[in-house]
Amino acid sequence: MATDVRKRARLADVPMPEFGMPSTEPVLPESLYVDRVERFRAAMERQGYEACAVWADREHSANLS
């Protein structure tokens, strides 16, 4: 016998946690980015790609950096 269970979604106000501000800024050397781009281009070449589209939304654009 199947049980007829109906659940309703409800909205709730959830406060944002306080994360504070970081005390240090991570610093990555330019050579790291140069290496990443070179490895990316090599991977594209191995796959036979001539072009690639890269997308980042406004909220996460720092990840693109």
N, C-alpha and C. Protein backbone atom coordinates (compact mmCIF):
# COMPACT_ATOMS: atom_id res chain seq x y z
N MET A 1 0.85 -1.16 0.00
CA MET A 1 0.00 0.00 0.00
C MET A 1 0.91 1.24 0.00
N ALA A 2 0.71 2.14 -0.94
CA ALA A 2 1.51 3.36 -1.05
C ALA A 2 1.00 4.42 -0.06
N THR A 3 1.93 5.10 0.53
CA THR A 3 1.58 6.17 1.46
C THR A 3 1.56 7.49 0.70
N ASP A 4 0.48 8.23 0.83
CA ASP A 4 0.35 9.52 0.16
C ASP A 4 0.92 10.61 1.07
N VAL A 5 2.16 10.95 0.84
CA VAL A 5 2.82 11.96 1.66
C VAL A 5 3.01 13.20 0.79
N ARG A 6 2.47 14.30 1.23
CA ARG A 6 2.61 15.55 0.50
C ARG A 6 3.39 16.53 1.36
N LYS A 7 4.48 16.98 0.82
CA LYS A 7 5.31 17.95 1.53
C LYS A 7 5.21 19.28 0.82
N ARG A 8 5.18 20.32 1.58
CA ARG A 8 5.11 21.66 1.00
C ARG A 8 6.41 22.39 1.28
N ALA A 9 6.88 23.07 0.25
CA ALA A 9 8.07 23.91 0.42
C ALA A 9 7.65 25.18 1.16
N ARG A 10 8.56 25.69 1.95
CA ARG A 10 8.28 26.95 2.62
C ARG A 10 9.54 27.81 2.60
N LEU A 11 9.34 29.09 2.55
CA LEU A 11 10.45 30.02 2.56
C LEU A 11 10.81 30.35 4.00
N ALA A 12 12.07 30.53 4.24
CA ALA A 12 12.52 30.88 5.58
C ALA A 12 13.60 31.95 5.47
N ASP A 13 13.58 32.90 6.40
CA ASP A 13 14.64 33.89 6.48
C ASP A 13 15.82 33.27 7.21
N VAL A 14 16.96 33.23 6.52
CA VAL A 14 18.16 32.65 7.11
C VAL A 14 19.23 33.73 7.12
N PRO A 15 19.72 34.11 8.29
CA PRO A 15 20.74 35.16 8.33
C PRO A 15 22.06 34.68 7.76
N MET A 16 22.79 35.59 7.13
CA MET A 16 24.10 35.27 6.60
C MET A 16 25.09 35.16 7.76
N PRO A 17 25.96 34.19 7.73
CA PRO A 17 26.97 34.09 8.79
C PRO A 17 28.00 35.21 8.65
N GLU A 18 28.62 35.58 9.73
CA GLU A 18 29.65 36.61 9.72
C GLU A 18 31.00 35.93 9.48
N PHE A 19 31.58 36.18 8.32
CA PHE A 19 32.85 35.57 7.98
C PHE A 19 34.04 36.44 8.36
N GLY A 20 33.78 37.73 8.55
CA GLY A 20 34.89 38.64 8.85
C GLY A 20 35.68 38.94 7.60
N MET A 21 36.74 39.66 7.77
CA MET A 21 37.61 40.02 6.65
C MET A 21 38.91 39.23 6.76
N PRO A 22 39.48 38.81 5.63
CA PRO A 22 40.75 38.09 5.69
C PRO A 22 41.86 39.00 6.18
N SER A 23 42.81 38.42 6.86
CA SER A 23 43.92 39.21 7.38
C SER A 23 45.09 39.29 6.40
N THR A 24 45.14 38.38 5.43
CA THR A 24 46.20 38.40 4.43
C THR A 24 45.60 38.20 3.05
N GLU A 25 46.26 38.73 2.06
CA GLU A 25 45.83 38.55 0.67
C GLU A 25 46.76 37.55 0.01
N PRO A 26 46.20 36.50 -0.59
CA PRO A 26 47.09 35.54 -1.25
C PRO A 26 47.77 36.19 -2.46
N VAL A 27 49.04 35.96 -2.58
CA VAL A 27 49.81 36.52 -3.69
C VAL A 27 50.39 35.35 -4.48
N LEU A 28 50.00 35.28 -5.73
CA LEU A 28 50.49 34.21 -6.60
C LEU A 28 51.44 34.81 -7.63
N PRO A 29 52.55 34.15 -7.89
CA PRO A 29 53.52 34.71 -8.84
C PRO A 29 52.97 34.69 -10.27
N GLU A 30 53.38 35.68 -11.06
CA GLU A 30 52.94 35.76 -12.45
C GLU A 30 53.30 34.49 -13.20
N SER A 31 54.42 33.87 -12.84
CA SER A 31 54.87 32.66 -13.54
C SER A 31 53.83 31.53 -13.43
N LEU A 32 53.07 31.51 -12.36
CA LEU A 32 52.03 30.50 -12.20
C LEU A 32 50.96 30.65 -13.28
N TYR A 33 50.55 31.89 -13.53
CA TYR A 33 49.54 32.14 -14.55
C TYR A 33 50.08 31.85 -15.95
N VAL A 34 51.34 32.23 -16.19
CA VAL A 34 51.96 31.95 -17.49
C VAL A 34 51.98 30.45 -17.73
N ASP A 35 52.37 29.68 -16.72
CA ASP A 35 52.40 28.22 -16.83
C ASP A 35 51.02 27.65 -17.11
N ARG A 36 50.01 28.15 -16.41
CA ARG A 36 48.65 27.65 -16.61
C ARG A 36 48.17 27.90 -18.04
N VAL A 37 48.44 29.09 -18.56
CA VAL A 37 48.02 29.42 -19.93
C VAL A 37 48.77 28.53 -20.93
N GLU A 38 50.04 28.33 -20.71
CA GLU A 38 50.82 27.47 -21.62
C GLU A 38 50.29 26.04 -21.60
N ARG A 39 49.99 25.52 -20.41
CA ARG A 39 49.44 24.15 -20.32
C ARG A 39 48.06 24.06 -20.95
N PHE A 40 47.27 25.12 -20.78
CA PHE A 40 45.94 25.15 -21.39
C PHE A 40 46.04 25.13 -22.91
N ARG A 41 46.93 25.97 -23.45
CA ARG A 41 47.10 26.02 -24.91
C ARG A 41 47.63 24.68 -25.45
N ALA A 42 48.52 24.04 -24.71
CA ALA A 42 49.03 22.74 -25.14
C ALA A 42 47.92 21.70 -25.14
N ALA A 43 47.06 21.74 -24.14
CA ALA A 43 45.92 20.80 -24.09
C ALA A 43 44.97 21.06 -25.26
N MET A 44 44.72 22.33 -25.57
CA MET A 44 43.86 22.65 -26.72
C MET A 44 44.46 22.09 -28.01
N GLU A 45 45.77 22.27 -28.15
CA GLU A 45 46.44 21.79 -29.36
C GLU A 45 46.35 20.27 -29.47
N ARG A 46 46.55 19.57 -28.35
CA ARG A 46 46.45 18.10 -28.36
C ARG A 46 45.06 17.64 -28.79
N GLN A 47 44.05 18.40 -28.40
CA GLN A 47 42.67 18.04 -28.73
C GLN A 47 42.25 18.54 -30.12
N GLY A 48 43.09 19.33 -30.75
CA GLY A 48 42.78 19.84 -32.08
C GLY A 48 41.90 21.07 -32.07
N TYR A 49 41.81 21.76 -30.94
CA TYR A 49 40.98 22.98 -30.86
C TYR A 49 41.77 24.18 -31.36
N GLU A 50 41.10 25.03 -32.10
CA GLU A 50 41.72 26.27 -32.57
C GLU A 50 41.26 27.46 -31.74
N ALA A 51 40.15 27.31 -31.02
CA ALA A 51 39.61 28.41 -30.22
C ALA A 51 38.89 27.83 -29.01
N CYS A 52 38.72 28.68 -28.02
CA CYS A 52 38.04 28.27 -26.80
C CYS A 52 37.30 29.49 -26.23
N ALA A 53 36.10 29.29 -25.77
CA ALA A 53 35.35 30.36 -25.11
C ALA A 53 35.43 30.14 -23.60
N VAL A 54 35.75 31.20 -22.87
CA VAL A 54 35.84 31.13 -21.42
C VAL A 54 34.79 32.07 -20.86
N TRP A 55 34.00 31.59 -19.91
CA TRP A 55 32.90 32.37 -19.36
C TRP A 55 33.01 32.45 -17.85
N ALA A 56 32.69 33.60 -17.31
CA ALA A 56 32.59 33.76 -15.86
C ALA A 56 31.49 34.77 -15.58
N ASP A 57 30.66 34.50 -14.60
CA ASP A 57 29.61 35.46 -14.27
C ASP A 57 30.16 36.54 -13.35
N ARG A 58 29.39 37.57 -13.15
CA ARG A 58 29.84 38.73 -12.38
C ARG A 58 30.21 38.36 -10.95
N GLU A 59 29.43 37.49 -10.33
CA GLU A 59 29.68 37.14 -8.93
C GLU A 59 30.94 36.29 -8.75
N HIS A 60 31.33 35.56 -9.79
CA HIS A 60 32.45 34.65 -9.67
C HIS A 60 33.60 35.01 -10.60
N SER A 61 33.62 36.23 -11.08
CA SER A 61 34.64 36.61 -12.07
C SER A 61 36.05 36.56 -11.48
N ALA A 62 36.18 36.65 -10.16
CA ALA A 62 37.52 36.54 -9.57
C ALA A 62 38.11 35.17 -9.85
N ASN A 63 37.27 34.15 -9.99
CA ASN A 63 37.76 32.82 -10.30
C ASN A 63 38.39 32.78 -11.68
N LEU A 64 37.93 33.64 -12.57
CA LEU A 64 38.48 33.68 -13.92
C LEU A 64 39.90 34.26 -13.89
N SER A 65 40.15 35.14 -12.95
CA SER A 65 41.48 35.75 -12.87
C SER A 65 42.53 34.69 -12.65
